C-alpha atoms as a PDB file:
ATOM      1  CA  MET A   1     114.373  67.182 176.417  1.00  0.00           C
ATOM      2  CA  SER A   2     113.133  70.411 178.253  1.00  0.00           C
ATOM      3  CA  ASP A   3     108.998  71.310 178.395  1.00  0.00           C
ATOM      4  CA  SER A   4     109.709  74.305 175.864  1.00  0.00           C
ATOM      5  CA  ASP A   5     111.091  71.618 172.989  1.00  0.00           C
ATOM      6  CA  LEU A   6     108.313  70.378 173.203  1.00  0.00           C
ATOM      7  CA  SER A   7     105.572  73.505 172.812  1.00  0.00           C
ATOM      8  CA  ALA A   8     103.978  73.967 169.801  1.00  0.00           C
ATOM      9  CA  PRO A   9     105.709  73.088 166.380  1.00  0.00           C
ATOM     10  CA  GLN A  10     107.518  76.099 165.295  1.00  0.00           C
ATOM     11  CA  GLU A  11     105.833  78.601 162.756  1.00  0.00           C
ATOM     12  CA  ARG A  12     108.089  78.477 158.993  1.00  0.00           C
ATOM     13  CA  THR A  13     108.419  81.807 157.769  1.00  0.00           C
ATOM     14  CA  ALA A  14     106.561  81.850 154.432  1.00  0.00           C
ATOM     15  CA  PRO A  15     109.338  82.872 151.531  1.00  0.00           C
ATOM     16  CA  VAL A  16     108.773  86.494 150.564  1.00  0.00           C
ATOM     17  CA  PRO A  17     107.726  86.947 146.537  1.00  0.00           C
ATOM     18  CA  LYS A  18     110.741  88.126 144.622  1.00  0.00           C
ATOM     19  CA  ARG A  19     109.901  91.897 143.647  1.00  0.00           C
ATOM     20  CA  ARG A  20     109.107  92.164 140.261  1.00  0.00           C
ATOM     21  CA  PRO A  21     112.191  94.629 138.619  1.00  0.00           C
ATOM     22  CA  THR A  22     111.353  98.479 137.860  1.00  0.00           C
ATOM     23  CA  ILE A  23     112.752 100.608 135.152  1.00  0.00           C
ATOM     24  CA  ASN A  24     114.605 102.617 138.525  1.00  0.00           C
ATOM     25  CA  ASP A  25     116.530  99.005 138.513  1.00  0.00           C
ATOM     26  CA  ILE A  26     117.173  99.001 135.015  1.00  0.00           C
ATOM     27  CA  ALA A  27     118.365 102.316 135.221  1.00  0.00           C
ATOM     28  CA  ARG A  28     120.427 101.695 138.653  1.00  0.00           C
ATOM     29  CA  MET A  29     121.815  98.093 136.664  1.00  0.00           C
ATOM     30  CA  ALA A  30     122.666  99.849 133.501  1.00  0.00           C
ATOM     31  CA  GLU A  31     124.207 102.988 134.829  1.00  0.00           C
ATOM     32  CA  VAL A  32     121.937 105.370 132.943  1.00  0.00           C
ATOM     33  CA  SER A  33     118.852 107.682 133.897  1.00  0.00           C
ATOM     34  CA  LYS A  34     115.643 106.903 134.011  1.00  0.00           C
ATOM     35  CA  LYS A  35     114.720 108.490 131.229  1.00  0.00           C
ATOM     36  CA  THR A  36     117.131 107.017 129.329  1.00  0.00           C
ATOM     37  CA  VAL A  37     115.797 103.656 129.552  1.00  0.00           C
ATOM     38  CA  SER A  38     112.503 104.954 129.210  1.00  0.00           C
ATOM     39  CA  ARG A  39     113.972 105.952 125.476  1.00  0.00           C
ATOM     40  CA  VAL A  40     115.559 102.593 125.058  1.00  0.00           C
ATOM     41  CA  ILE A  41     112.201 101.045 125.215  1.00  0.00           C
ATOM     42  CA  ASN A  42     110.385 103.361 123.159  1.00  0.00           C
ATOM     43  CA  GLY A  43     113.206 103.032 120.219  1.00  0.00           C
ATOM     44  CA  SER A  44     114.270 106.020 120.287  1.00  0.00           C
ATOM     45  CA  SER A  45     117.146 107.224 117.757  1.00  0.00           C
ATOM     46  CA  LEU A  46     118.667 109.749 120.300  1.00  0.00           C
ATOM     47  CA  VAL A  47     120.358 106.869 122.301  1.00  0.00           C
ATOM     48  CA  SER A  48     123.840 105.516 121.317  1.00  0.00           C
ATOM     49  CA  GLU A  49     124.293 102.167 120.378  1.00  0.00           C
ATOM     50  CA  GLU A  50     126.660 101.230 123.453  1.00  0.00           C
ATOM     51  CA  THR A  51     123.923 102.678 126.176  1.00  0.00           C
ATOM     52  CA  ARG A  52     121.236 100.605 124.361  1.00  0.00           C
ATOM     53  CA  GLN A  53     123.052  97.192 124.020  1.00  0.00           C
ATOM     54  CA  ARG A  54     123.737  98.115 127.943  1.00  0.00           C
ATOM     55  CA  VAL A  55     120.479  99.026 128.769  1.00  0.00           C
ATOM     56  CA  ASN A  56     118.845  95.978 126.367  1.00  0.00           C
ATOM     57  CA  ALA A  57     121.378  93.692 128.663  1.00  0.00           C
ATOM     58  CA  ALA A  58     120.202  94.885 132.014  1.00  0.00           C
ATOM     59  CA  ILE A  59     116.783  94.248 131.062  1.00  0.00           C
ATOM     60  CA  ALA A  60     117.362  90.789 129.424  1.00  0.00           C
ATOM     61  CA  GLU A  61     119.431  89.931 132.836  1.00  0.00           C
ATOM     62  CA  SER A  62     116.460  91.350 135.382  1.00  0.00           C
ATOM     63  CA  GLY A  63     113.069  90.027 132.901  1.00  0.00           C
ATOM     64  CA  PHE A  64     112.059  93.264 133.078  1.00  0.00           C
ATOM     65  CA  VAL A  65     108.531  93.306 131.284  1.00  0.00           C
ATOM     66  CA  PRO A  66     107.560  97.397 130.503  1.00  0.00           C
ATOM     67  CA  ASP A  67     104.348  97.622 131.480  1.00  0.00           C
ATOM     68  CA  PRO A  68     101.833  98.558 128.768  1.00  0.00           C
ATOM     69  CA  GLN A  69      99.063 100.080 130.355  1.00  0.00           C
ATOM     70  CA  ALA A  70     101.661 102.612 131.974  1.00  0.00           C
ATOM     71  CA  ARG A  71     103.286 103.265 128.699  1.00  0.00           C
ATOM     72  CA  GLY A  72     100.180 103.998 127.001  1.00  0.00           C
ATOM     73  CA  LEU A  73      99.428 106.939 129.849  1.00  0.00           C
ATOM     74  CA  ALA A  74     102.461 108.199 129.151  1.00  0.00           C
ATOM     75  CA  PHE A  75     101.827 108.297 126.022  1.00  0.00           C
ATOM     76  CA  ARG A  76      98.144 109.320 125.952  1.00  0.00           C
ATOM     77  CA  ARG A  77      97.300 106.289 124.131  1.00  0.00           C
ATOM     78  CA  SER A  78      97.362 102.296 124.129  1.00  0.00           C
ATOM     79  CA  PHE A  79      99.498  99.879 122.207  1.00  0.00           C
ATOM     80  CA  LEU A  80      96.145  98.785 119.601  1.00  0.00           C
ATOM     81  CA  ILE A  81      96.312  99.235 116.065  1.00  0.00           C
ATOM     82  CA  GLY A  82      92.731  99.322 114.813  1.00  0.00           C
ATOM     83  CA  LEU A  83      91.698  97.046 111.444  1.00  0.00           C
ATOM     84  CA  ILE A  84      88.309  98.839 110.285  1.00  0.00           C
ATOM     85  CA  TYR A  85      86.254  97.427 107.729  1.00  0.00           C
ATOM     86  CA  ASP A  86      82.817  96.520 105.811  1.00  0.00           C
ATOM     87  CA  ASN A  87      83.949  94.208 103.326  1.00  0.00           C
ATOM     88  CA  PRO A  88      81.471  91.343 102.785  1.00  0.00           C
ATOM     89  CA  ASN A  89      84.546  88.953 101.353  1.00  0.00           C
ATOM     90  CA  ALA A  90      85.285  87.389 104.565  1.00  0.00           C
ATOM     91  CA  GLN A  91      88.888  86.125 103.150  1.00  0.00           C
ATOM     92  CA  THR A  92      90.042  89.304 102.452  1.00  0.00           C
ATOM     93  CA  ILE A  93      89.705  90.427 106.076  1.00  0.00           C
ATOM     94  CA  VAL A  94      91.348  87.342 107.391  1.00  0.00           C
ATOM     95  CA  ILE A  95      94.203  87.743 105.204  1.00  0.00           C
ATOM     96  CA  SER A  96      94.696  90.779 105.673  1.00  0.00           C
ATOM     97  CA  GLN A  97      94.661  90.669 109.554  1.00  0.00           C
ATOM     98  CA  TYR A  98      97.231  87.588 109.029  1.00  0.00           C
ATOM     99  CA  GLY A  99      99.228  90.041 106.836  1.00  0.00           C
ATOM    100  CA  ILE A 100      99.049  92.938 109.836  1.00  0.00           C
ATOM    101  CA  LEU A 101      99.551  90.175 112.555  1.00  0.00           C
ATOM    102  CA  ASP A 102     103.039  88.982 110.599  1.00  0.00           C
ATOM    103  CA  ARG A 103     104.245  92.602 111.535  1.00  0.00           C
ATOM    104  CA  LEU A 104     103.205  93.042 114.772  1.00  0.00           C
ATOM    105  CA  ARG A 105     104.583  89.610 116.180  1.00  0.00           C
ATOM    106  CA  GLY A 106     106.971  90.433 118.457  1.00  0.00           C
ATOM    107  CA  SER A 107     106.330  94.054 119.246  1.00  0.00           C
ATOM    108  CA  GLU A 108     104.248  95.684 121.940  1.00  0.00           C
ATOM    109  CA  PHE A 109     101.232  96.459 119.843  1.00  0.00           C
ATOM    110  CA  GLU A 110      98.296  94.282 119.264  1.00  0.00           C
ATOM    111  CA  LEU A 111      95.077  93.935 116.539  1.00  0.00           C
ATOM    112  CA  VAL A 112      91.841  95.289 117.152  1.00  0.00           C
ATOM    113  CA  VAL A 113      89.111  94.558 114.408  1.00  0.00           C
ATOM    114  CA  TYR A 114      86.022  96.856 114.281  1.00  0.00           C
ATOM    115  CA  PRO A 115      83.310  95.837 111.750  1.00  0.00           C
ATOM    116  CA  CYS A 116      80.906  98.260 110.329  1.00  0.00           C
ATOM    117  CA  ASP A 117      78.814  99.520 108.245  1.00  0.00           C
ATOM    118  CA  ARG A 118      79.801 102.228 105.745  1.00  0.00           C
ATOM    119  CA  GLY A 119      75.913 103.218 104.870  1.00  0.00           C
ATOM    120  CA  SER A 120      75.194 103.789 108.482  1.00  0.00           C
ATOM    121  CA  PRO A 121      74.046 107.117 109.431  1.00  0.00           C
ATOM    122  CA  SER A 122      76.218 107.112 112.331  1.00  0.00           C
ATOM    123  CA  LEU A 123      79.184 105.603 110.934  1.00  0.00           C
ATOM    124  CA  PHE A 124      81.550 108.948 111.804  1.00  0.00           C
ATOM    125  CA  ASN A 125      80.408 108.838 114.917  1.00  0.00           C
ATOM    126  CA  ASP A 126      80.849 105.392 116.049  1.00  0.00           C
ATOM    127  CA  ILE A 127      84.294 105.068 114.686  1.00  0.00           C
ATOM    128  CA  ARG A 128      85.354 108.310 116.648  1.00  0.00           C
ATOM    129  CA  ALA A 129      83.838 106.349 119.340  1.00  0.00           C
ATOM    130  CA  PHE A 130      85.992 103.378 118.865  1.00  0.00           C
ATOM    131  CA  VAL A 131      89.270 105.118 118.147  1.00  0.00           C
ATOM    132  CA  GLU A 132      88.495 107.541 121.688  1.00  0.00           C
ATOM    133  CA  ARG A 133      87.577 105.012 123.652  1.00  0.00           C
ATOM    134  CA  GLN A 134      90.630 102.550 122.442  1.00  0.00           C
ATOM    135  CA  LYS A 135      93.257 105.641 122.368  1.00  0.00           C
ATOM    136  CA  LEU A 136      94.321 103.701 119.157  1.00  0.00           C
ATOM    137  CA  ALA A 137      97.866 104.131 118.186  1.00  0.00           C
ATOM    138  CA  GLY A 138      96.825 103.910 114.283  1.00  0.00           C
ATOM    139  CA  VAL A 139      94.664 102.315 111.970  1.00  0.00           C
ATOM    140  CA  VAL A 140      94.165 100.611 108.930  1.00  0.00           C
ATOM    141  CA  LEU A 141      91.540 100.901 106.636  1.00  0.00           C
ATOM    142  CA  LEU A 142      90.374  97.882 104.211  1.00  0.00           C
ATOM    143  CA  PRO A 143      88.106  98.961 100.873  1.00  0.00           C
ATOM    144  CA  PRO A 144      85.639 100.508 100.772  1.00  0.00           C
ATOM    145  CA  VAL A 145      86.106 102.465 103.714  1.00  0.00           C
ATOM    146  CA  SER A 146      89.197 103.277 102.626  1.00  0.00           C
ATOM    147  CA  GLU A 147      87.912 105.222  99.855  1.00  0.00           C
ATOM    148  CA  ASN A 148      86.184 107.469 102.679  1.00  0.00           C
ATOM    149  CA  ASP A 149      88.081 110.883 102.205  1.00  0.00           C
ATOM    150  CA  ALA A 150      85.730 112.185 104.834  1.00  0.00           C
ATOM    151  CA  LEU A 151      86.163 109.314 107.358  1.00  0.00           C
ATOM    152  CA  VAL A 152      89.983 110.225 107.044  1.00  0.00           C
ATOM    153  CA  ALA A 153      89.963 113.526 107.675  1.00  0.00           C
ATOM    154  CA  MET A 154      88.373 113.109 110.708  1.00  0.00           C
ATOM    155  CA  LEU A 155      90.964 110.532 111.899  1.00  0.00           C
ATOM    156  CA  ARG A 156      93.421 113.349 110.987  1.00  0.00           C
ATOM    157  CA  GLU A 157      91.147 115.815 113.283  1.00  0.00           C
ATOM    158  CA  LEU A 158      91.728 113.031 115.626  1.00  0.00           C
ATOM    159  CA  GLY A 159      95.537 112.721 115.740  1.00  0.00           C
ATOM    160  CA  CYS A 160      95.274 109.219 114.848  1.00  0.00           C
ATOM    161  CA  PRO A 161      97.583 107.481 112.396  1.00  0.00           C
ATOM    162  CA  HIS A 162      96.368 105.877 109.261  1.00  0.00           C
ATOM    163  CA  VAL A 163      97.179 103.631 106.563  1.00  0.00           C
ATOM    164  CA  ARG A 164      94.798 102.768 103.700  1.00  0.00           C
ATOM    165  CA  ILE A 165      94.777  99.828 101.624  1.00  0.00           C
ATOM    166  CA  ALA A 166      93.273 100.237  98.500  1.00  0.00           C
ATOM    167  CA  SER A 167      93.061  99.442  94.441  1.00  0.00           C
ATOM    168  CA  ALA A 168      94.407 102.604  93.588  1.00  0.00           C
ATOM    169  CA  ALA A 169      96.844 105.646  95.009  1.00  0.00           C
ATOM    170  CA  LEU A 170      94.132 108.026  96.605  1.00  0.00           C
ATOM    171  CA  ASP A 171      96.766 109.662 100.189  1.00  0.00           C
ATOM    172  CA  GLU A 172     100.401 110.208 100.273  1.00  0.00           C
ATOM    173  CA  PRO A 173     102.446 107.456 100.088  1.00  0.00           C
ATOM    174  CA  ALA A 174     102.997 107.445 104.167  1.00  0.00           C
ATOM    175  CA  HIS A 175      99.419 106.845 104.405  1.00  0.00           C
ATOM    176  CA  MET A 176      98.817 104.312 101.221  1.00  0.00           C
ATOM    177  CA  VAL A 177      99.183 100.932 100.735  1.00  0.00           C
ATOM    178  CA  ALA A 178      97.626 100.419  96.989  1.00  0.00           C
ATOM    179  CA  SER A 179      97.493  97.578  94.281  1.00  0.00           C
ATOM    180  CA  ASN A 180      97.672  97.971  90.668  1.00  0.00           C
ATOM    181  CA  ASP A 181      94.343  96.221  89.824  1.00  0.00           C
ATOM    182  CA  ARG A 182      94.339  96.977  86.345  1.00  0.00           C
ATOM    183  CA  ILE A 183      97.358  95.382  85.164  1.00  0.00           C
ATOM    184  CA  GLY A 184      95.826  92.195  86.536  1.00  0.00           C
ATOM    185  CA  THR A 185      92.364  92.187  84.845  1.00  0.00           C
ATOM    186  CA  ALA A 186      94.244  93.192  81.872  1.00  0.00           C
ATOM    187  CA  GLN A 187      96.432  89.999  81.669  1.00  0.00           C
ATOM    188  CA  ALA A 188      93.295  88.173  82.608  1.00  0.00           C
ATOM    189  CA  ALA A 189      91.552  89.186  79.474  1.00  0.00           C
ATOM    190  CA  ALA A 190      94.825  88.926  76.985  1.00  0.00           C
ATOM    191  CA  HIS A 191      94.556  84.962  78.478  1.00  0.00           C
ATOM    192  CA  LEU A 192      90.899  84.543  77.340  1.00  0.00           C
ATOM    193  CA  LEU A 193      91.703  86.484  74.022  1.00  0.00           C
ATOM    194  CA  ASP A 194      94.919  84.723  73.411  1.00  0.00           C
ATOM    195  CA  LEU A 195      93.045  81.030  74.400  1.00  0.00           C
ATOM    196  CA  GLY A 196      90.751  82.038  71.324  1.00  0.00           C
ATOM    197  CA  HIS A 197      87.545  83.171  73.158  1.00  0.00           C
ATOM    198  CA  LYS A 198      85.257  86.086  71.763  1.00  0.00           C
ATOM    199  CA  GLU A 199      82.200  85.267  73.317  1.00  0.00           C
ATOM    200  CA  ILE A 200      82.986  86.771  76.871  1.00  0.00           C
ATOM    201  CA  ALA A 201      81.065  88.108  79.961  1.00  0.00           C
ATOM    202  CA  VAL A 202      81.775  89.952  83.112  1.00  0.00           C
ATOM    203  CA  ILE A 203      80.771  89.227  87.208  1.00  0.00           C
ATOM    204  CA  THR A 204      82.101  93.052  88.166  1.00  0.00           C
ATOM    205  CA  GLY A 205      82.217  93.873  91.933  1.00  0.00           C
ATOM    206  CA  PRO A 206      79.385  95.847  94.043  1.00  0.00           C
ATOM    207  CA  GLU A 207      78.335  99.578  93.203  1.00  0.00           C
ATOM    208  CA  GLY A 208      80.695 102.445  94.332  1.00  0.00           C
ATOM    209  CA  TYR A 209      84.013 100.051  95.106  1.00  0.00           C
ATOM    210  CA  ARG A 210      86.832 101.680  93.464  1.00  0.00           C
ATOM    211  CA  SER A 211      88.133  97.890  93.392  1.00  0.00           C
ATOM    212  CA  ALA A 212      85.040  97.242  90.986  1.00  0.00           C
ATOM    213  CA  ARG A 213      86.209 100.055  88.972  1.00  0.00           C
ATOM    214  CA  GLU A 214      89.664  99.696  88.613  1.00  0.00           C
ATOM    215  CA  ARG A 215      89.103  95.539  87.823  1.00  0.00           C
ATOM    216  CA  LEU A 216      86.131  96.376  85.146  1.00  0.00           C
ATOM    217  CA  GLU A 217      88.386  98.879  83.325  1.00  0.00           C
ATOM    218  CA  GLY A 218      91.689  97.072  83.150  1.00  0.00           C
ATOM    219  CA  PHE A 219      89.800  94.084  81.885  1.00  0.00           C
ATOM    220  CA  CYS A 220      87.623  95.701  79.356  1.00  0.00           C
ATOM    221  CA  GLY A 221      90.338  97.870  78.399  1.00  0.00           C
ATOM    222  CA  GLU A 222      92.932  95.224  76.917  1.00  0.00           C
ATOM    223  CA  LEU A 223      89.349  94.062  75.339  1.00  0.00           C
ATOM    224  CA  ASP A 224      89.292  97.226  73.503  1.00  0.00           C
ATOM    225  CA  LYS A 225      92.694  97.335  72.183  1.00  0.00           C
ATOM    226  CA  ARG A 226      92.345  93.734  70.675  1.00  0.00           C
ATOM    227  CA  GLY A 227      89.093  94.795  69.062  1.00  0.00           C
ATOM    228  CA  ILE A 228      86.378  93.643  71.191  1.00  0.00           C
ATOM    229  CA  THR A 229      83.789  95.428  73.211  1.00  0.00           C
ATOM    230  CA  LEU A 230      81.143  93.878  75.642  1.00  0.00           C
ATOM    231  CA  SER A 231      77.474  94.579  75.004  1.00  0.00           C
ATOM    232  CA  PRO A 232      75.477  95.739  78.428  1.00  0.00           C
ATOM    233  CA  ASP A 233      74.059  92.204  78.878  1.00  0.00           C
ATOM    234  CA  HIS A 234      77.497  91.248  79.315  1.00  0.00           C
ATOM    235  CA  ILE A 235      78.259  93.097  82.141  1.00  0.00           C
ATOM    236  CA  VAL A 236      76.663  92.288  85.738  1.00  0.00           C
ATOM    237  CA  ARG A 237      77.071  93.507  88.910  1.00  0.00           C
ATOM    238  CA  GLY A 238      77.489  91.211  91.841  1.00  0.00           C
ATOM    239  CA  GLY A 239      78.302  92.195  95.472  1.00  0.00           C
ATOM    240  CA  TYR A 240      81.194  90.217  96.304  1.00  0.00           C
ATOM    241  CA  THR A 241      79.977  87.233  97.586  1.00  0.00           C
ATOM    242  CA  PHE A 242      78.329  83.743  96.756  1.00  0.00           C
ATOM    243  CA  GLU A 243      75.024  84.431  96.711  1.00  0.00           C
ATOM    244  CA  SER A 244      75.662  87.485  94.173  1.00  0.00           C
ATOM    245  CA  GLY A 245      77.900  84.924  91.908  1.00  0.00           C
ATOM    246  CA  VAL A 246      75.127  82.626  91.644  1.00  0.00           C
ATOM    247  CA  ALA A 247      72.288  84.958  90.713  1.00  0.00           C
ATOM    248  CA  ALA A 248      74.893  87.267  87.952  1.00  0.00           C
ATOM    249  CA  ALA A 249      75.813  83.223  86.389  1.00  0.00           C
ATOM    250  CA  GLU A 250      71.865  82.534  86.383  1.00  0.00           C
ATOM    251  CA  ARG A 251      71.731  85.482  84.143  1.00  0.00           C
ATOM    252  CA  LEU A 252      74.766  85.166  82.322  1.00  0.00           C
ATOM    253  CA  LEU A 253      74.680  81.580  81.286  1.00  0.00           C
ATOM    254  CA  SER A 254      70.939  81.751  80.040  1.00  0.00           C
ATOM    255  CA  LEU A 255      72.353  84.443  77.434  1.00  0.00           C
ATOM    256  CA  GLU A 256      71.788  83.356  73.564  1.00  0.00           C
ATOM    257  CA  PRO A 257      74.750  83.019  72.527  1.00  0.00           C
ATOM    258  CA  ARG A 258      76.200  81.632  75.833  1.00  0.00           C
ATOM    259  CA  PRO A 259      79.663  82.810  77.176  1.00  0.00           C
ATOM    260  CA  THR A 260      82.393  80.985  76.451  1.00  0.00           C
ATOM    261  CA  ALA A 261      84.580  82.801  79.326  1.00  0.00           C
ATOM    262  CA  ILE A 262      83.590  84.604  82.429  1.00  0.00           C
ATOM    263  CA  PHE A 263      85.723  86.511  84.032  1.00  0.00           C
ATOM    264  CA  SER A 264      84.767  87.463  87.948  1.00  0.00           C
ATOM    265  CA  SER A 265      85.989  90.328  90.119  1.00  0.00           C
ATOM    266  CA  ASN A 266      86.532  87.852  92.851  1.00  0.00           C
ATOM    267  CA  ASP A 267      86.954  84.405  94.074  1.00  0.00           C
ATOM    268  CA  GLU A 268      83.848  84.196  95.713  1.00  0.00           C
ATOM    269  CA  MET A 269      81.618  84.781  93.324  1.00  0.00           C
ATOM    270  CA  ALA A 270      83.609  82.938  91.285  1.00  0.00           C
ATOM    271  CA  ALA A 271      82.563  79.843  93.134  1.00  0.00           C
ATOM    272  CA  GLY A 272      79.151  80.972  92.743  1.00  0.00           C
ATOM    273  CA  LEU A 273      79.542  81.023  89.148  1.00  0.00           C
ATOM    274  CA  TYR A 274      80.582  77.136  89.382  1.00  0.00           C
ATOM    275  CA  HIS A 275      77.809  76.212  90.954  1.00  0.00           C
ATOM    276  CA  VAL A 276      75.501  77.051  88.523  1.00  0.00           C
ATOM    277  CA  ALA A 277      77.542  75.712  85.525  1.00  0.00           C
ATOM    278  CA  TYR A 278      77.678  72.616  87.705  1.00  0.00           C
ATOM    279  CA  LEU A 279      73.662  72.626  87.969  1.00  0.00           C
ATOM    280  CA  ARG A 280      73.229  73.500  84.442  1.00  0.00           C
ATOM    281  CA  GLY A 281      75.475  70.345  83.099  1.00  0.00           C
ATOM    282  CA  LEU A 282      78.676  72.831  81.868  1.00  0.00           C
ATOM    283  CA  ARG A 283      81.927  71.118  82.231  1.00  0.00           C
ATOM    284  CA  ILE A 284      84.800  74.094  83.626  1.00  0.00           C
ATOM    285  CA  PRO A 285      87.087  74.762  81.067  1.00  0.00           C
ATOM    286  CA  GLU A 286      85.509  72.091  78.299  1.00  0.00           C
ATOM    287  CA  ASP A 287      82.457  74.142  77.965  1.00  0.00           C
ATOM    288  CA  LEU A 288      82.856  77.156  79.896  1.00  0.00           C
ATOM    289  CA  SER A 289      86.340  78.925  81.214  1.00  0.00           C
ATOM    290  CA  VAL A 290      86.495  81.134  84.314  1.00  0.00           C
ATOM    291  CA  ILE A 291      88.806  83.362  85.671  1.00  0.00           C
ATOM    292  CA  GLY A 292      88.237  84.665  89.354  1.00  0.00           C
ATOM    293  CA  PHE A 293      90.227  87.335  91.379  1.00  0.00           C
ATOM    294  CA  ASP A 294      92.119  87.519  94.829  1.00  0.00           C
ATOM    295  CA  ASP A 295      93.704  84.212  94.880  1.00  0.00           C
ATOM    296  CA  THR A 296      92.586  83.195  98.077  1.00  0.00           C
ATOM    297  CA  PRO A 297      93.035  79.898  99.146  1.00  0.00           C
ATOM    298  CA  LEU A 298      89.493  78.943  98.008  1.00  0.00           C
ATOM    299  CA  ALA A 299      91.125  79.345  94.568  1.00  0.00           C
ATOM    300  CA  SER A 300      93.152  76.407  94.382  1.00  0.00           C
ATOM    301  CA  ARG A 301      90.400  74.175  96.572  1.00  0.00           C
ATOM    302  CA  MET A 302      87.904  74.526  93.937  1.00  0.00           C
ATOM    303  CA  TRP A 303      87.977  71.756  91.322  1.00  0.00           C
ATOM    304  CA  PRO A 304      89.105  72.413  88.660  1.00  0.00           C
ATOM    305  CA  PRO A 305      91.597  75.019  90.584  1.00  0.00           C
ATOM    306  CA  LEU A 306      90.740  78.689  89.611  1.00  0.00           C
ATOM    307  CA  THR A 307      92.425  80.318  87.299  1.00  0.00           C
ATOM    308  CA  THR A 308      92.956  83.822  89.117  1.00  0.00           C
ATOM    309  CA  VAL A 309      94.498  87.320  89.549  1.00  0.00           C
ATOM    310  CA  ARG A 310      96.188  86.972  92.763  1.00  0.00           C
ATOM    311  CA  TRP A 311      95.508  90.309  94.846  1.00  0.00           C
ATOM    312  CA  PRO A 312      98.670  90.571  97.274  1.00  0.00           C
ATOM    313  CA  ILE A 313      96.756  91.263 100.713  1.00  0.00           C
ATOM    314  CA  ARG A 314      98.884  89.411 102.808  1.00  0.00           C
ATOM    315  CA  ASP A 315     101.579  91.782 101.592  1.00  0.00           C
ATOM    316  CA  MET A 316      99.491  94.398 101.645  1.00  0.00           C
ATOM    317  CA  GLY A 317      98.243  94.137 105.242  1.00  0.00           C
ATOM    318  CA  ARG A 318     102.159  93.288 106.262  1.00  0.00           C
ATOM    319  CA  SER A 319     103.044  96.510 104.673  1.00  0.00           C
ATOM    320  CA  ALA A 320     100.274  98.720 106.260  1.00  0.00           C
ATOM    321  CA  ALA A 321     101.303  97.858 109.851  1.00  0.00           C
ATOM    322  CA  GLU A 322     105.087  98.286 108.770  1.00  0.00           C
ATOM    323  CA  LEU A 323     104.110 101.944 107.599  1.00  0.00           C
ATOM    324  CA  LEU A 324     102.039 102.493 111.131  1.00  0.00           C
ATOM    325  CA  LEU A 325     104.749 101.139 113.076  1.00  0.00           C
ATOM    326  CA  ASP A 326     107.988 102.778 111.598  1.00  0.00           C
ATOM    327  CA  ASN A 327     105.442 105.927 112.442  1.00  0.00           C
ATOM    328  CA  GLN A 328     105.444 105.042 115.985  1.00  0.00           C
ATOM    329  CA  GLU A 329     109.069 103.503 116.904  1.00  0.00           C
ATOM    330  CA  THR A 330     111.087 105.750 114.587  1.00  0.00           C
ATOM    331  CA  LYS A 331     108.996 108.828 113.176  1.00  0.00           C
ATOM    332  CA  ARG A 332     110.360 107.517 109.660  1.00  0.00           C
ATOM    333  CA  ARG A 333     107.732 108.537 106.764  1.00  0.00           C
ATOM    334  CA  ARG A 334     108.198 106.450 103.728  1.00  0.00           C
ATOM    335  CA  ALA A 335     106.402 104.591 101.225  1.00  0.00           C
ATOM    336  CA  ALA A 336     105.192 101.046 100.801  1.00  0.00           C
ATOM    337  CA  PRO A 337     106.538  99.107  98.503  1.00  0.00           C
ATOM    338  CA  ALA A 338     104.434  98.981  94.765  1.00  0.00           C
ATOM    339  CA  TYR A 339     102.185  95.452  94.762  1.00  0.00           C
ATOM    340  CA  GLU A 340     100.284  94.857  91.487  1.00  0.00           C
ATOM    341  CA  ALA A 341      97.982  91.936  91.133  1.00  0.00           C
ATOM    342  CA  ARG A 342      98.889  89.205  88.597  1.00  0.00           C
ATOM    343  CA  LEU A 343      97.559  86.564  86.737  1.00  0.00           C
ATOM    344  CA  THR A 344      97.760  82.963  88.468  1.00  0.00           C
ATOM    345  CA  ILE A 345      96.872  80.518  85.704  1.00  0.00           C
ATOM    346  CA  ARG A 346      95.744  77.164  86.886  1.00  0.00           C
ATOM    347  CA  SER A 347      92.686  74.488  85.346  1.00  0.00           C
ATOM    348  CA  SER A 348      89.554  76.449  84.427  1.00  0.00           C
ATOM    349  CA  THR A 349      90.580  77.940  81.404  1.00  0.00           C
ATOM    350  CA  ALA A 350      90.812  76.357  77.754  1.00  0.00           C
ATOM    351  CA  PRO A 351      90.389  77.032  74.105  1.00  0.00           C
ATOM    352  CA  PRO A 352      86.951  77.466  73.303  1.00  0.00           C
ATOM    353  CA  LYS A 353      85.011  74.219  71.669  1.00  0.00           C
ATOM    354  CA  GLY A 354      84.992  74.411  68.211  1.00  0.00           C
END
């Protein structure tokens, strides 16, 4: 063995990291132009199905992942969908998010949420800054923010696609996901009347909410058809919160004669009503029938389980995202399905005593 063989150990060459494939690599593999690859990635309809399959096969083989930041620069916007809300009902917000995420899952779009104060003097400036800072690809508006026509006009001025969720049609079909709350609350009123109730009261929603008006008018409209008109002291305004349900229940359950049935314009306020009824020794439904609105998970977890009007907010959130993505990916402008609130009967309603 020579002296050279006993010298310092031989240096090992580190493995060269595998280079990430680029859009140029995909174009070469699929034998198409870079522009064609870009069109396939962006869901353009200007590509034949055979070419699309060839490009997608090259993407799958290479492990190529499009750079969302680069795409955002190319499109001058991000791949973010904003959810803008000012709503005291946390369950509504969370469930609507689930619906939106149902549709975004598997796409390149992500959801960012923006709580706001609809009464703030800086509302428009704040939302404008949010949209411009995030370069949003579109926004979903929850009620009552969705009812603000001036805000929608500003979004149009900014070129930001929008979809409104509301209890009535307020916009063009391509920008609107609406429910018919009056159908569900009319069913609630009919259910109580069919059980034999005549002493009926309502906890309505907050001032200025279109949903509060739609639900109250649907309920009272059915009562009017059946010859019953509620006196003003049997209609108490709430705020869609547990605490406002407690306060409203204290007033209504102090009336003489006491109501034998109360409709609450959401489940949170119905939970407050349950609380006051329990403290006063009233049994539900033996002494007091209760109907809520929303059919959030809370409704089936209360005891007894709450009869309530199901508001299909998860389905509506999914449809709102669908409208936005249709516009982004296929440039189609279609209408969302028509949604109706429907009564779900559980154990909190029964005929009045005596």
